[in-house]
Structures are given as C-alpha cells and as structure tokens.
Protein backbone atom coordinates (compact mmCIF):
# COMPACT_ATOMS: atom_id res chain seq x y z
CA MET A 1 18.25 -6.82 -16.00
CA PRO A 2 20.30 -8.13 -13.05
CA ALA A 3 20.25 -6.13 -9.84
CA SER A 4 23.50 -4.49 -8.83
CA ALA A 5 24.89 -4.06 -5.34
CA THR A 6 23.66 -0.50 -5.28
CA HIS A 7 20.37 -0.98 -7.14
CA ARG A 8 18.72 -4.10 -5.79
CA LEU A 9 15.46 -3.63 -7.70
CA SER A 10 16.82 -2.66 -11.11
CA GLY A 11 14.54 -3.75 -13.95
CA GLN A 12 11.48 -4.22 -11.74
CA VAL A 13 8.15 -2.41 -12.14
CA ALA A 14 6.05 -1.47 -9.12
CA VAL A 15 2.57 0.05 -8.79
CA ILE A 16 1.68 1.88 -5.59
CA THR A 17 -1.88 3.00 -4.86
CA GLY A 18 -2.35 6.09 -2.73
CA GLY A 19 1.07 7.22 -3.91
CA GLY A 20 0.57 10.97 -3.60
CA SER A 21 1.39 11.30 0.09
CA GLY A 22 2.31 9.53 3.30
CA ILE A 23 3.38 5.90 3.20
CA GLY A 24 2.72 5.50 -0.52
CA ALA A 25 4.95 8.44 -1.46
CA ALA A 26 7.70 7.30 0.92
CA CYS A 27 7.60 3.78 -0.55
CA ALA A 28 7.82 5.16 -4.08
CA ILE A 29 10.91 7.21 -3.26
CA ALA A 30 12.61 4.30 -1.45
CA LEU A 31 11.89 1.76 -4.20
CA SER A 32 12.92 4.08 -7.00
CA ALA A 33 16.23 4.76 -5.25
CA GLU A 34 16.89 1.01 -5.58
CA GLY A 35 16.38 1.10 -9.33
CA CYS A 36 12.70 0.18 -9.48
CA HIS A 37 10.43 1.89 -12.01
CA VAL A 38 7.51 2.98 -9.82
CA VAL A 39 4.04 3.96 -10.95
CA VAL A 40 2.18 5.98 -8.32
CA THR A 41 -1.56 6.32 -8.61
CA GLY A 42 -4.35 8.26 -6.95
CA ARG A 43 -7.28 10.43 -7.90
CA ARG A 44 -5.43 13.77 -8.00
CA LEU A 45 -2.52 14.37 -10.37
CA ALA A 46 -0.75 17.18 -8.47
CA PRO A 47 0.25 15.11 -5.40
CA LEU A 48 1.41 12.27 -7.66
CA GLN A 49 3.57 14.71 -9.61
CA GLU A 50 5.02 15.97 -6.34
CA THR A 51 5.98 12.41 -5.40
CA ALA A 52 7.51 11.88 -8.85
CA SER A 53 9.58 15.06 -8.48
CA ARG A 54 11.21 13.62 -5.36
CA ALA A 55 12.71 10.62 -7.14
CA VAL A 56 16.48 10.40 -6.72
CA THR A 57 16.73 9.57 -10.43
CA PRO A 58 14.41 11.76 -12.55
CA GLY A 59 11.81 9.79 -14.50
CA ARG A 60 11.93 6.71 -12.31
CA ILE A 61 8.52 7.52 -10.74
CA THR A 62 5.57 7.81 -13.13
CA PRO A 63 2.31 9.47 -11.98
CA LEU A 64 -0.95 8.01 -13.34
CA THR A 65 -4.36 9.03 -12.05
CA ALA A 66 -6.99 6.42 -11.23
CA ASP A 67 -9.86 5.86 -8.83
CA VAL A 68 -9.07 2.46 -7.36
CA SER A 69 -12.57 2.15 -5.93
CA GLU A 70 -13.89 1.84 -9.51
CA ILE A 71 -13.10 -1.39 -11.35
CA ALA A 72 -13.15 0.24 -14.80
CA SER A 73 -10.59 2.82 -13.66
CA VAL A 74 -8.39 0.08 -12.21
CA GLN A 75 -8.54 -1.91 -15.44
CA GLN A 76 -7.56 1.15 -17.48
CA LEU A 77 -4.71 1.90 -15.08
CA PHE A 78 -3.11 -1.51 -15.43
CA GLN A 79 -3.60 -1.57 -19.19
CA THR A 80 -1.65 1.70 -19.35
CA VAL A 81 1.05 0.36 -17.03
CA ALA A 82 1.44 -2.78 -19.13
CA SER A 83 1.77 -0.85 -22.38
CA GLU A 84 4.04 1.91 -21.09
CA CYS A 85 6.11 0.18 -18.40
CA GLY A 86 5.76 -3.57 -18.81
CA PRO A 87 4.50 -6.32 -16.50
CA VAL A 88 4.14 -5.54 -12.80
CA ASP A 89 6.62 -7.23 -10.47
CA LEU A 90 5.44 -5.54 -7.26
CA LEU A 91 2.03 -4.22 -6.25
CA ILE A 92 1.66 -2.15 -3.09
CA ASN A 93 -1.97 -1.67 -2.05
CA ASN A 94 -1.69 1.42 0.11
CA ALA A 95 -4.80 3.53 -0.63
CA GLY A 96 -6.91 3.95 2.48
CA ILE A 97 -9.33 6.31 4.17
CA ASN A 98 -11.17 6.86 7.43
CA VAL A 99 -13.77 9.31 8.68
CA PRO A 100 -14.10 11.34 11.90
CA ASN A 101 -17.40 9.71 12.97
CA ARG A 102 -16.08 6.20 13.56
CA ALA A 103 -18.25 4.72 16.31
CA PHE A 104 -20.83 2.19 15.14
CA ALA A 105 -23.67 4.37 16.47
CA ASN A 106 -22.50 7.30 14.35
CA HIS A 107 -21.40 5.53 11.16
CA SER A 108 -23.50 6.23 8.10
CA ILE A 109 -24.24 3.58 5.51
CA GLU A 110 -22.43 5.76 2.97
CA ASP A 111 -19.28 5.97 5.12
CA TRP A 112 -19.27 2.21 5.63
CA GLY A 113 -19.54 1.57 1.90
CA ARG A 114 -16.86 4.09 0.94
CA ILE A 115 -14.35 2.83 3.51
CA MET A 116 -14.85 -0.80 2.55
CA GLN A 117 -14.64 0.05 -1.16
CA ILE A 118 -11.32 1.92 -0.93
CA ASN A 119 -9.62 -0.02 1.86
CA ALA A 120 -10.64 -3.57 0.90
CA SER A 121 -12.36 -3.86 -2.49
CA ALA A 122 -9.73 -1.71 -4.22
CA ALA A 123 -7.01 -4.12 -3.10
CA PHE A 124 -9.02 -6.99 -4.59
CA TYR A 125 -9.50 -5.11 -7.87
CA CYS A 126 -5.77 -4.38 -8.19
CA MET A 127 -4.72 -7.90 -7.26
CA LYS A 128 -7.06 -9.30 -9.91
CA GLN A 129 -5.19 -7.25 -12.50
CA VAL A 130 -1.65 -8.35 -11.61
CA VAL A 131 -1.96 -11.94 -10.42
CA PRO A 132 -2.57 -13.54 -13.86
CA SER A 133 0.60 -11.98 -15.29
CA MET A 134 2.61 -12.86 -12.19
CA ARG A 135 1.37 -16.44 -12.43
CA GLU A 136 2.43 -16.66 -16.08
CA ARG A 137 5.91 -15.34 -15.28
CA GLY A 138 6.32 -17.56 -12.23
CA GLY A 139 6.55 -14.95 -9.52
CA GLY A 140 5.64 -11.59 -8.08
CA LEU A 141 5.18 -9.74 -4.82
CA ILE A 142 2.09 -8.04 -3.41
CA ILE A 143 2.37 -5.90 -0.28
CA ASN A 144 -0.86 -4.82 1.39
CA ILE A 145 -0.50 -1.88 3.76
CA SER A 146 -3.04 -2.77 6.41
CA SER A 147 -2.97 -1.48 10.01
CA VAL A 148 -2.64 -2.83 13.53
CA ALA A 149 -6.40 -2.32 13.45
CA GLY A 150 -6.38 -5.27 11.03
CA ILE A 151 -5.16 -7.64 13.75
CA ARG A 152 -6.60 -5.99 16.87
CA ALA A 153 -10.11 -4.52 16.96
CA SER A 154 -9.82 -0.86 17.78
CA GLU A 155 -12.24 1.81 18.96
CA LEU A 156 -9.76 4.40 17.73
CA GLY A 157 -9.89 3.00 14.20
CA GLY A 158 -13.63 2.54 14.30
CA CYS A 159 -15.83 -0.31 13.13
CA ALA A 160 -15.66 0.23 9.35
CA TYR A 161 -11.93 0.92 9.19
CA THR A 162 -11.16 -2.06 11.43
CA ALA A 163 -13.43 -4.35 9.42
CA SER A 164 -11.87 -3.19 6.16
CA LYS A 165 -8.35 -3.85 7.42
CA PHE A 166 -9.29 -7.32 8.71
CA ALA A 167 -10.77 -7.97 5.24
CA MET A 168 -7.59 -6.78 3.56
CA ALA A 169 -5.49 -9.10 5.73
CA ALA A 170 -7.73 -12.10 5.02
CA LEU A 171 -7.63 -11.34 1.30
CA GLY A 172 -3.84 -11.33 1.30
CA ARG A 173 -3.49 -14.55 3.26
CA THR A 174 -5.98 -16.41 1.07
CA VAL A 175 -4.41 -15.25 -2.20
CA GLU A 176 -0.96 -16.35 -1.05
CA LEU A 177 -2.29 -19.76 -0.04
CA GLU A 178 -3.75 -20.18 -3.51
CA GLU A 179 -0.92 -18.64 -5.52
CA GLN A 180 2.29 -19.53 -3.66
CA LYS A 181 2.72 -22.56 -5.92
CA HIS A 182 3.09 -20.05 -8.76
CA GLY A 183 5.80 -18.13 -6.92
CA ILE A 184 3.52 -15.27 -5.83
CA ARG A 185 4.21 -13.88 -2.37
CA VAL A 186 1.85 -11.66 -0.37
CA THR A 187 2.90 -9.60 2.65
CA SER A 188 0.49 -7.84 4.99
CA VAL A 189 2.15 -4.89 6.72
CA TYR A 190 0.46 -3.71 9.92
CA PRO A 191 1.65 -0.22 10.85
CA GLY A 192 0.74 1.37 14.14
CA GLU A 193 0.25 5.13 14.29
CA VAL A 194 1.95 6.92 11.41
CA GLU A 195 2.26 10.64 10.73
CA THR A 196 0.17 10.77 7.54
CA PRO A 197 -2.78 12.88 6.30
CA ILE A 198 -5.24 10.29 7.68
CA LEU A 199 -4.50 11.73 11.15
CA ASP A 200 -6.36 14.86 10.07
CA HIS A 201 -9.58 12.79 10.17
CA ARG A 202 -9.25 11.72 13.80
CA PRO A 203 -12.27 12.43 16.04
CA GLN A 204 -9.93 14.50 18.25
CA PRO A 205 -7.10 16.70 16.95
CA VAL A 206 -3.61 15.17 17.14
CA SER A 207 -0.96 17.34 18.77
CA ASP A 208 2.36 18.17 17.15
CA GLU A 209 4.13 16.44 20.04
CA HIS A 210 2.20 13.24 19.42
CA ARG A 211 2.90 13.41 15.70
CA SER A 212 6.63 13.77 16.35
CA ARG A 213 6.94 10.55 18.40
CA ILE A 214 4.90 8.17 16.24
CA LEU A 215 6.11 6.42 13.08
CA GLN A 216 7.05 8.54 10.09
CA PRO A 217 6.18 7.37 6.55
CA GLU A 218 9.83 6.62 5.79
CA ASP A 219 9.91 4.14 8.70
CA VAL A 220 7.20 2.04 7.08
CA ALA A 221 8.85 2.48 3.68
CA ALA A 222 12.08 1.04 5.08
CA ALA A 223 10.19 -2.07 6.22
CA VAL A 224 8.51 -2.37 2.81
CA LEU A 225 11.86 -2.01 1.05
CA MET A 226 13.33 -4.79 3.17
CA VAL A 227 10.53 -7.14 2.10
CA ALA A 228 10.80 -6.07 -1.55
CA CYS A 229 14.54 -6.75 -1.65
CA LEU A 230 14.35 -10.28 -0.26
CA PRO A 231 15.04 -13.10 -2.75
CA PRO A 232 12.03 -14.99 -4.16
CA ARG A 233 12.76 -17.94 -1.84
CA ALA A 234 11.93 -15.74 1.19
CA SER A 235 8.39 -14.80 2.20
CA VAL A 236 7.22 -12.45 4.97
CA PRO A 237 3.50 -13.17 5.39
CA GLU A 238 2.98 -10.57 8.13
CA LEU A 239 4.99 -7.66 9.46
CA VAL A 240 4.00 -5.42 12.38
CA ILE A 241 5.75 -2.07 12.76
CA LYS A 242 4.66 0.39 15.43
CA PRO A 243 5.94 3.32 17.45
CA ALA A 244 8.04 2.24 20.40
CA SER A 245 5.63 4.19 22.60
CA GLN A 246 2.48 2.47 21.30
CA PRO A 247 1.32 -0.75 22.99
CA LEU A 248 0.13 -3.64 20.85
CA ASN A 249 -3.08 -4.73 22.51
C-alpha cells in the first residue's frame, strides 16, 4: 500500500521490544500515527495493553507477550506476528535493563548474565528472526536503541550495561555490513539520559528536577520516526541524541 502524505508508514509492520513503557511505548505511538501496524512486546500484558490503548487509531498497536531473553519465546513471537500481521518491515530492539549495583566490584555473575541476555543477546535473537524475510523481500530496517554508554564507557552505566550496549552497537554495524547488499539497513540510536523507568534503578535517587530537564521518551521516538520515514536509499548508521545539558564525554 503506498504511503500518503499524512501516513508515511502505511502498510508497514513494525515490532518493538520493551514496548510497554518509556521509549518503546513512545515509538509505538509515533509509528502507529504514521499508519504503521505496530506489535509491542514484553513480559507483562497490562503495560502493553496500556500502550495499545494510546494509539491514535484504535487497533493499530497489537500487544503480544514474550520474553525476548528466551530464544523459544522469540521464535513463537515472530511466528505469531507473521501469521497475524505479515512480514516485518521494521524491528526496533528496545528492551533493556540495568541494576543498582553497577560497579565491577559489586556486580554479581547473575546480574552480568541477565543484563547481557536482555540488552545484547535478545537483539541478536530478534534480528535472526527478521533478517531472512527482509533479505527475501529486498529490504528492511532494524533500529537498535543502545545508549551513549555504548560509545563512551561510563561509570554511571556500570560495567555490564556498558559492555552490553557496546555489544549491541557492534552487532548492528556487523549485520549492516553483511546485509546492506540485500537492502537491509541498521541504525544504532544512542540516547543520553531519558526519563524512563530504568532511572528507578539508579544507585542514587534521581530528583524530579533532574528528570524534567533530561530527554523525554517522545524525544527519542521523534528521532526514531525520522529514521523510519527515510526512503530506502538513505541510511543512518548511528544517531546520538542527548539532553542539551548533558556532556558527551
């Protein structure tokens, strides 16, 4: 279906992991407003349903539960998407976690494994599900929501989170190098501080004043929408978006 001037993504199907809150929810609402059929996924149904209820056009956001850290759950998710919605044009790997005890000396083996599984391995699992179909159809877009911690080592992010975001960035760059000849584009988005639920897991509480001056989820969603609406001839390999008050160092 051709896109119209008011619905630039009409006829496209998107899957967004971690779609129940924060950046994932904001992206779902923005993409669906442009005519995209968006599937939001996460482990809990209620937040996904809340995101779906905020769609400008009812029914344009579909909630489907899945645990993206488990390959069998990911495979079932994309089988359901294919049968109910059709092939995926856009994948947004947004699911991510962190823990309060972030310093190397305090990190547990379990925390390391869980962070790497959700932040990095889950992106690999999801990409493995969509790339073959994208290759067959001659195109597709994958957007990995990383972090500025994925380009600058950060004590604030902690060793596991930073390592997982570097891994996510390297994964995206390598896949695009291999698959660009098939028309597949991969964008790594590196947000700075964003007012999302992950702030609740900071080692120190974050003040309301600080939350008000950092990025809001809709700011990142606007950047994602810009990338998603570009023609297939245009690729944005990397995009940094940060609060004006936050240095990039």
